[in-house]
Amino acid sequence: MQAGKKPERKSRIRGEMRIVIDATSLLLRSTGVKNYMYYWIRALQEQPLGECIRLFPYFRRLSQLNHERSCAGKWATRSGRLLVNFCNIRGNRTLDLLEARADVFHASQNLRNPPRWRPRLTATIYDMTCWILPETHTPANVAATKRYGDQVLRRAAACTAISESARRDAIEILGLAEDRVETIYPGVADGFFAATPEDARAVARTYGLERPYILFVGMIEPRKNIDRVLDVYSSLSQAVRSEYELVVAGALGWCKPETVNRLLRPAAGIRYLGYVPESDLPGLTAGAALLFYPALYEGFGLPVAQAMACGVPAITSRGSALEEIGGKDVVTVEPHRIEEMAAAVERLALSPGLRSELGQRGRRRAAQYTWARCAEQSLAFFRRAGGA
């Protein structure tokens, strides 16, 4: 070896763990899980060397996050989907061979035949809504999620949950051992912490938002309680409705035709933006007078954490993880009671001092939800699960 020249680093150093993460959701149309996986994987890959992080299917580069399209290139997407479909054939044990040298395989809901032998199996618990509120999902989604519970979560050596609420629900419903499930909070993308008034003005110009607005963000599906959101706005006093628009941002998911009609042919004062690109969400959120997010159930409630990171006050639901994430720094309401929700919106809309106070408190609370912290805790979890 030439004097003074450093030896090349080998692809694997002694003691380095090999961790494989099923990133299939990044190739599909998705919202919450895809958002989590995208930022989580990027944060894991930015951690100091010591673990080898690989993705399944096998692609390396992540394009910009888009919930409507794949985050990989065209050929990586096609080949990845084909590989997943092949591995999902009943009884197919291909993954046992492909990943025999891995230490940990972190599975997703998209795989029906995760490895059974060599790698230690781990997984993430996002929420238990398909068990608690199955009527808010399609039958196919309920069946796939319950299969994930049986074939992955119950078999896994260890799991992470994105909130203590989701952890408790999974332990109770699936009968998991408490010491096998660890709570690791997701993060909020840096753009929300850094959003400026100019970002808000730029997004307002893009979407033609000329008045102050109350914001709802989320895929349009029954669990998000969008019909009651519209009912609440229509029940507000004329003074509030003349000052504030209701802005609804989110792609159409599974919902009643009547709900779609209410959004596409909205009543006065209601603006439906449809899908809003990830790059526009920080500015859209930062420009809101308040976030109104009375979902029926959440495993985490990312829009609430994003609003807090922007310094925007939030009204959200009691129960599930939403109270846990917002704590005493958000306003909580019963998500089935129109009058109670309307009173909370009126109070906050007409109280600039309260909005400012809640916004400041929320920003401080949101500082705990970072992807760097999530990645650091996740790597420690993988080391324990892999027996390192």
Protein backbone atom coordinates (compact mmCIF):
# COMPACT_ATOMS: atom_id res chain seq x y z
CA MET A 1 0.00 0.00 0.00
CA GLN A 2 1.30 3.47 -0.90
CA ALA A 3 2.60 5.37 2.13
CA GLY A 4 0.16 7.87 3.54
CA LYS A 5 -2.76 6.49 1.56
CA LYS A 6 -5.78 5.47 3.64
CA PRO A 7 -7.18 1.97 3.06
CA GLU A 8 -10.56 1.87 1.35
CA ARG A 9 -13.47 1.19 3.65
CA LYS A 10 -14.93 -2.23 3.02
CA SER A 11 -18.66 -2.57 2.46
CA ARG A 12 -19.01 -4.21 5.86
CA ILE A 13 -16.92 -3.64 8.93
CA ARG A 14 -16.65 -6.03 11.83
CA GLY A 15 -19.52 -5.52 14.24
CA GLU A 16 -21.64 -3.57 11.75
CA MET A 17 -25.30 -4.54 11.76
CA ARG A 18 -27.14 -5.10 8.50
CA ILE A 19 -30.63 -3.63 8.65
CA VAL A 20 -33.11 -4.05 5.80
CA ILE A 21 -36.18 -1.79 5.73
CA ASP A 22 -39.19 -2.63 3.61
CA ALA A 23 -39.80 0.66 1.78
CA THR A 24 -42.54 -0.58 -0.54
CA SER A 25 -44.88 2.22 0.55
CA LEU A 26 -42.54 4.74 -1.13
CA LEU A 27 -43.46 3.20 -4.49
CA LEU A 28 -47.20 3.53 -3.93
CA ARG A 29 -49.85 6.23 -3.57
CA SER A 30 -50.06 6.85 0.14
CA THR A 31 -50.07 9.62 2.74
CA GLY A 32 -49.26 9.08 6.43
CA VAL A 33 -47.20 5.88 6.22
CA LYS A 34 -45.37 7.12 3.13
CA ASN A 35 -44.55 10.42 4.84
CA TYR A 36 -43.20 8.55 7.86
CA MET A 37 -41.11 6.13 5.80
CA TYR A 38 -39.62 8.82 3.56
CA TYR A 39 -38.33 11.09 6.32
CA TRP A 40 -37.46 8.20 8.63
CA ILE A 41 -35.28 6.46 6.03
CA ARG A 42 -33.54 9.71 5.13
CA ALA A 43 -32.84 10.41 8.81
CA LEU A 44 -31.53 6.87 9.36
CA GLN A 45 -29.20 7.18 6.39
CA GLU A 46 -27.85 10.48 7.78
CA GLN A 47 -26.87 8.91 11.10
CA PRO A 48 -23.13 8.27 11.75
CA LEU A 49 -21.73 5.08 10.20
CA GLY A 50 -21.97 1.91 12.22
CA GLU A 51 -24.97 0.20 10.67
CA CYS A 52 -25.63 -0.78 7.08
CA ILE A 53 -29.11 0.40 6.07
CA ARG A 54 -30.57 -1.15 2.91
CA LEU A 55 -34.00 -0.82 1.36
CA PHE A 56 -36.32 -3.50 0.05
CA PRO A 57 -37.15 -3.47 -2.84
CA TYR A 58 -33.66 -2.61 -3.92
CA PHE A 59 -33.38 1.06 -4.83
CA ARG A 60 -30.97 3.64 -3.48
CA ARG A 61 -32.03 7.12 -4.49
CA LEU A 62 -35.13 8.81 -3.15
CA SER A 63 -36.68 11.50 -5.28
CA GLN A 64 -38.75 14.32 -3.80
CA LEU A 65 -41.63 13.18 -1.61
CA ASN A 66 -44.89 13.04 -3.55
CA HIS A 67 -47.88 11.24 -2.06
CA GLU A 68 -49.44 10.72 -5.49
CA ARG A 69 -46.39 9.16 -7.19
CA SER A 70 -43.47 6.85 -6.46
CA CYS A 71 -40.40 8.27 -4.73
CA ALA A 72 -38.09 6.15 -6.92
CA GLY A 73 -37.28 6.27 -10.63
CA LYS A 74 -39.48 4.66 -13.25
CA TRP A 75 -37.48 1.45 -13.62
CA ALA A 76 -36.81 1.07 -9.91
CA THR A 77 -40.54 1.46 -9.30
CA ARG A 78 -41.53 -1.12 -11.90
CA SER A 79 -38.93 -3.68 -10.87
CA GLY A 80 -39.64 -3.06 -7.18
CA ARG A 81 -43.36 -3.64 -7.55
CA LEU A 82 -42.75 -6.79 -9.57
CA LEU A 83 -40.42 -8.13 -6.88
CA VAL A 84 -42.92 -7.39 -4.11
CA ASN A 85 -45.73 -9.06 -6.06
CA PHE A 86 -43.52 -12.10 -6.64
CA CYS A 87 -42.55 -12.33 -2.96
CA ASN A 88 -46.22 -12.05 -2.00
CA ILE A 89 -47.19 -15.27 -3.81
CA ARG A 90 -48.71 -17.60 -1.23
CA GLY A 91 -46.04 -19.73 0.44
CA ASN A 92 -43.15 -17.97 -1.33
CA ARG A 93 -40.07 -17.97 0.93
CA THR A 94 -37.82 -15.98 -1.40
CA LEU A 95 -37.16 -13.34 1.23
CA ASP A 96 -35.68 -15.98 3.54
CA LEU A 97 -33.00 -16.54 0.86
CA LEU A 98 -32.54 -12.93 -0.27
CA GLU A 99 -32.11 -11.58 3.25
CA ALA A 100 -30.40 -14.52 4.94
CA ARG A 101 -27.35 -12.39 5.76
CA ALA A 102 -29.31 -9.51 7.29
CA ASP A 103 -29.46 -9.05 11.04
CA VAL A 104 -32.82 -7.22 11.14
CA PHE A 105 -35.64 -7.03 8.61
CA HIS A 106 -38.15 -4.24 9.28
CA ALA A 107 -41.37 -5.30 7.55
CA SER A 108 -44.33 -3.31 6.28
CA GLN A 109 -47.99 -4.02 5.66
CA ASN A 110 -47.27 -4.61 1.98
CA LEU A 111 -45.40 -7.90 2.48
CA ARG A 112 -47.37 -11.10 2.98
CA ASN A 113 -44.36 -13.40 3.39
CA PRO A 114 -41.72 -11.62 5.49
CA PRO A 115 -38.57 -13.56 6.43
CA ARG A 116 -39.18 -16.28 9.02
CA TRP A 117 -35.73 -17.48 9.95
CA ARG A 118 -32.40 -15.64 9.82
CA PRO A 119 -33.13 -11.91 10.17
CA ARG A 120 -34.84 -10.76 13.34
CA LEU A 121 -38.24 -9.43 12.28
CA THR A 122 -39.31 -5.97 13.45
CA ALA A 123 -42.14 -3.66 12.41
CA THR A 124 -43.85 -0.33 13.09
CA ILE A 125 -47.30 0.03 14.66
CA TYR A 126 -48.96 3.11 13.16
CA ASP A 127 -52.47 2.81 14.56
CA MET A 128 -55.15 0.25 15.36
CA THR A 129 -58.00 1.98 13.58
CA CYS A 130 -58.91 -1.06 11.45
CA TRP A 131 -59.74 -2.89 14.69
CA ILE A 132 -61.27 0.06 16.55
CA LEU A 133 -63.12 1.82 13.69
CA PRO A 134 -63.28 -0.69 10.82
CA GLU A 135 -66.33 1.09 9.37
CA THR A 136 -64.10 4.03 8.42
CA HIS A 137 -61.99 1.87 6.08
CA THR A 138 -62.55 -0.21 2.97
CA PRO A 139 -62.99 -3.97 3.54
CA ALA A 140 -59.78 -4.60 1.59
CA ASN A 141 -57.79 -2.24 3.80
CA VAL A 142 -59.20 -3.82 6.95
CA ALA A 143 -58.33 -7.32 5.71
CA ALA A 144 -54.77 -6.31 4.71
CA THR A 145 -54.12 -4.52 8.00
CA LYS A 146 -55.40 -7.40 10.11
CA ARG A 147 -53.24 -9.78 8.09
CA TYR A 148 -50.30 -7.50 8.90
CA GLY A 149 -51.22 -7.78 12.57
CA ASP A 150 -51.32 -11.57 12.46
CA GLN A 151 -48.38 -12.30 10.15
CA VAL A 152 -45.99 -9.53 11.15
CA LEU A 153 -46.83 -7.72 14.39
CA ARG A 154 -47.64 -10.87 16.40
CA ARG A 155 -44.55 -12.66 15.03
CA ALA A 156 -42.06 -9.81 15.28
CA ALA A 157 -39.21 -10.02 17.76
CA ALA A 158 -39.89 -6.37 18.60
CA CYS A 159 -42.02 -3.47 17.37
CA THR A 160 -42.01 0.29 17.57
CA ALA A 161 -45.19 2.33 17.99
CA ILE A 162 -45.50 5.95 16.86
CA SER A 163 -47.26 6.98 20.08
CA GLU A 164 -47.94 5.59 23.53
CA SER A 165 -51.63 5.49 22.61
CA ALA A 166 -50.93 3.27 19.59
CA ARG A 167 -48.65 1.11 21.73
CA ARG A 168 -51.32 0.55 24.40
CA ASP A 169 -53.99 -0.23 21.79
CA ALA A 170 -51.76 -2.77 20.03
CA ILE A 171 -50.81 -4.50 23.26
CA GLU A 172 -54.46 -4.80 24.26
CA ILE A 173 -55.91 -5.78 20.88
CA LEU A 174 -53.16 -8.08 19.60
CA GLY A 175 -52.05 -9.44 22.96
CA LEU A 176 -48.44 -8.34 22.49
CA ALA A 177 -45.99 -8.53 25.35
CA GLU A 178 -45.36 -5.06 26.76
CA ASP A 179 -41.58 -5.42 26.64
CA ARG A 180 -41.73 -6.14 22.90
CA VAL A 181 -43.23 -2.76 21.95
CA GLU A 182 -41.34 0.53 22.27
CA THR A 183 -42.74 4.02 21.65
CA ILE A 184 -40.65 6.17 19.30
CA TYR A 185 -42.27 9.39 18.15
CA PRO A 186 -41.94 10.38 14.48
CA GLY A 187 -40.53 13.74 13.50
CA VAL A 188 -41.79 16.83 11.73
CA ALA A 189 -40.00 17.87 8.54
CA ASP A 190 -37.58 20.77 8.99
CA GLY A 191 -39.57 22.93 6.58
CA PHE A 192 -42.36 23.38 9.11
CA PHE A 193 -40.01 24.65 11.82
CA ALA A 194 -38.40 27.02 9.31
CA ALA A 195 -41.57 28.33 7.60
CA THR A 196 -41.61 32.13 7.32
CA PRO A 197 -44.33 34.73 6.70
CA GLU A 198 -42.97 35.08 3.16
CA ASP A 199 -43.45 31.32 2.63
CA ALA A 200 -47.04 31.74 3.78
CA ARG A 201 -47.61 34.70 1.42
CA ALA A 202 -46.09 32.82 -1.52
CA VAL A 203 -48.40 29.83 -0.98
CA ALA A 204 -51.38 32.14 -0.53
CA ARG A 205 -50.62 33.70 -3.93
CA THR A 206 -50.26 30.25 -5.51
CA TYR A 207 -53.70 29.13 -4.33
CA GLY A 208 -55.45 32.50 -4.43
CA LEU A 209 -56.00 32.70 -0.67
CA GLU A 210 -56.86 36.33 -0.04
CA ARG A 211 -58.59 36.08 3.35
CA PRO A 212 -57.54 34.68 6.73
CA TYR A 213 -58.33 30.99 6.88
CA ILE A 214 -59.02 28.05 9.16
CA LEU A 215 -57.11 25.04 7.87
CA PHE A 216 -57.87 21.33 7.66
CA VAL A 217 -55.17 19.01 6.24
CA GLY A 218 -55.62 15.30 5.59
CA MET A 219 -56.72 12.69 3.10
CA ILE A 220 -60.45 12.82 2.57
CA GLU A 221 -61.66 9.66 4.29
CA PRO A 222 -64.29 8.96 6.98
CA ARG A 223 -61.79 8.74 9.86
CA LYS A 224 -60.78 12.36 9.31
CA ASN A 225 -64.31 13.53 10.17
CA ILE A 226 -64.48 15.91 7.22
CA ASP A 227 -68.29 16.05 7.05
CA ARG A 228 -68.42 17.39 10.60
CA VAL A 229 -65.63 19.83 9.78
CA LEU A 230 -67.85 21.26 7.03
CA ASP A 231 -70.89 21.23 9.34
CA VAL A 232 -68.96 23.11 12.04
CA TYR A 233 -67.89 25.83 9.63
CA SER A 234 -71.44 26.26 8.34
CA SER A 235 -72.67 26.64 11.93
CA LEU A 236 -70.23 29.43 12.83
CA SER A 237 -71.51 32.94 13.35
CA GLN A 238 -71.68 35.27 10.37
CA ALA A 239 -68.98 37.41 12.00
CA VAL A 240 -66.49 34.53 11.94
CA ARG A 241 -67.44 33.25 8.49
CA SER A 242 -67.18 36.73 7.00
CA GLU A 243 -63.63 37.03 8.32
CA TYR A 244 -62.31 33.47 7.83
CA GLU A 245 -62.47 30.96 5.02
CA LEU A 246 -62.28 27.23 5.66
CA VAL A 247 -59.46 25.77 3.57
CA VAL A 248 -59.45 21.98 3.11
CA ALA A 249 -56.26 20.39 1.73
CA GLY A 250 -55.98 16.70 0.97
CA ALA A 251 -56.38 14.13 -1.78
CA LEU A 252 -59.66 12.29 -2.19
CA GLY A 253 -59.49 8.88 -0.58
CA TRP A 254 -62.41 6.59 0.17
CA CYS A 255 -65.53 8.48 1.17
CA LYS A 256 -69.19 8.87 0.35
CA PRO A 257 -70.16 10.56 -2.93
CA GLU A 258 -72.07 13.13 -0.86
CA THR A 259 -68.82 14.13 0.85
CA VAL A 260 -67.06 14.54 -2.49
CA ASN A 261 -69.93 16.70 -3.77
CA ARG A 262 -69.72 18.92 -0.69
CA LEU A 263 -66.04 19.56 -1.43
CA LEU A 264 -66.24 19.93 -5.19
CA ARG A 265 -69.32 22.16 -4.95
CA PRO A 266 -68.59 23.85 -1.64
CA ALA A 267 -70.79 26.23 0.29
CA ALA A 268 -69.81 29.88 0.55
CA GLY A 269 -66.53 30.42 2.41
CA ILE A 270 -65.17 26.90 1.87
CA ARG A 271 -62.16 26.26 -0.38
CA TYR A 272 -61.11 22.74 -1.35
CA LEU A 273 -57.54 22.69 -2.67
CA GLY A 274 -57.26 18.95 -3.31
CA TYR A 275 -53.82 17.40 -3.03
CA VAL A 276 -51.22 19.95 -1.93
CA PRO A 277 -47.55 19.08 -2.69
CA GLU A 278 -45.31 18.51 0.30
CA SER A 279 -43.24 21.57 -0.62
CA ASP A 280 -46.29 23.85 -0.20
CA LEU A 281 -47.54 22.44 3.10
CA PRO A 282 -45.23 24.39 5.45
CA GLY A 283 -46.26 27.71 3.94
CA LEU A 284 -49.93 26.73 3.80
CA THR A 285 -49.84 25.66 7.45
CA ALA A 286 -47.85 28.68 8.64
CA GLY A 287 -50.35 31.03 6.97
CA ALA A 288 -53.38 29.61 8.78
CA ALA A 289 -55.05 31.40 11.66
CA LEU A 290 -55.63 28.01 13.23
CA LEU A 291 -55.68 24.32 12.38
CA PHE A 292 -58.98 22.45 12.87
CA TYR A 293 -58.31 18.70 12.92
CA PRO A 294 -61.04 16.73 14.78
CA ALA A 295 -60.12 13.25 13.49
CA LEU A 296 -61.99 10.31 15.01
CA TYR A 297 -58.81 8.35 15.71
CA GLU A 298 -55.08 8.83 15.05
CA GLY A 299 -51.95 6.88 15.79
CA PHE A 300 -50.00 10.14 15.91
CA GLY A 301 -51.72 13.07 14.18
CA LEU A 302 -49.02 14.62 12.01
CA PRO A 303 -51.00 17.73 10.93
CA VAL A 304 -51.27 18.76 14.59
CA ALA A 305 -47.52 18.39 15.15
CA GLN A 306 -46.83 20.26 11.92
CA ALA A 307 -49.09 23.14 12.96
CA MET A 308 -47.35 23.35 16.34
CA ALA A 309 -43.95 23.43 14.61
CA CYS A 310 -45.19 26.40 12.56
CA GLY A 311 -46.44 28.18 15.67
CA VAL A 312 -50.07 27.80 14.56
CA PRO A 313 -52.67 27.00 17.26
CA ALA A 314 -54.59 23.75 16.82
CA ILE A 315 -58.01 22.40 17.72
CA THR A 316 -58.08 18.63 17.74
CA SER A 317 -59.89 15.65 19.23
CA ARG A 318 -59.87 14.12 22.66
CA GLY A 319 -58.83 10.50 22.73
CA SER A 320 -56.40 8.36 20.70
CA ALA A 321 -52.95 9.92 20.22
CA LEU A 322 -54.07 13.48 19.48
CA GLU A 323 -54.23 14.55 23.13
CA GLU A 324 -50.89 12.88 23.76
CA ILE A 325 -49.16 14.69 20.92
CA GLY A 326 -50.63 18.11 21.63
CA GLY A 327 -50.86 17.89 25.42
CA LYS A 328 -52.08 21.08 27.07
CA ASP A 329 -50.76 23.16 24.19
CA VAL A 330 -53.73 22.50 21.91
CA VAL A 331 -57.50 22.87 22.31
CA THR A 332 -59.27 19.49 22.49
CA VAL A 333 -62.90 18.78 21.66
CA GLU A 334 -65.31 15.86 21.42
CA PRO A 335 -65.19 15.03 17.67
CA HIS A 336 -68.87 14.01 17.48
CA ARG A 337 -70.31 17.19 18.98
CA ILE A 338 -70.89 19.94 16.44
CA GLU A 339 -71.83 22.60 18.98
CA GLU A 340 -68.78 21.99 21.17
CA MET A 341 -66.43 22.08 18.19
CA ALA A 342 -68.06 25.23 16.80
CA ALA A 343 -67.71 26.98 20.17
CA ALA A 344 -63.99 26.12 20.28
CA VAL A 345 -63.42 27.41 16.74
CA GLU A 346 -65.34 30.63 17.50
CA ARG A 347 -63.39 31.23 20.71
CA LEU A 348 -60.00 30.76 19.07
CA ALA A 349 -60.90 32.64 15.90
CA LEU A 350 -62.00 35.68 17.91
CA SER A 351 -59.09 35.60 20.41
CA PRO A 352 -55.79 36.73 18.79
CA GLY A 353 -54.07 36.73 22.18
CA LEU A 354 -55.01 33.11 22.86
CA ARG A 355 -53.96 32.11 19.35
CA SER A 356 -50.55 33.71 19.89
CA GLU A 357 -50.08 32.05 23.28
CA LEU A 358 -51.04 28.59 22.01
CA GLY A 359 -48.86 29.04 18.94
CA GLN A 360 -45.80 29.81 21.04
CA ARG A 361 -46.45 26.93 23.43
CA GLY A 362 -47.06 24.55 20.56
CA ARG A 363 -43.81 25.49 18.86
CA ARG A 364 -41.88 24.69 22.04
CA ARG A 365 -43.67 21.36 22.39
CA ALA A 366 -43.08 20.40 18.76
CA ALA A 367 -39.31 20.67 19.29
CA GLN A 368 -39.35 17.12 20.68
CA TYR A 369 -40.67 15.73 17.38
CA THR A 370 -37.57 15.64 15.18
CA TRP A 371 -36.48 13.03 12.68
CA ALA A 372 -32.89 13.08 13.95
CA ARG A 373 -34.11 12.07 17.42
CA CYS A 374 -36.42 9.43 15.93
CA ALA A 375 -33.56 7.95 13.87
CA GLU A 376 -31.19 7.85 16.85
CA GLN A 377 -33.76 6.04 18.98
CA SER A 378 -34.62 3.70 16.09
CA LEU A 379 -31.01 2.62 15.62
CA ALA A 380 -30.75 1.87 19.33
CA PHE A 381 -33.96 -0.17 18.98
CA PHE A 382 -32.51 -2.12 16.03
CA ARG A 383 -29.37 -2.92 17.99
CA ARG A 384 -31.41 -4.33 20.85
CA ALA A 385 -33.74 -6.24 18.54
CA GLY A 386 -30.83 -7.68 16.57
CA GLY A 387 -29.07 -8.83 19.70
CA ALA A 388 -26.09 -6.49 19.24
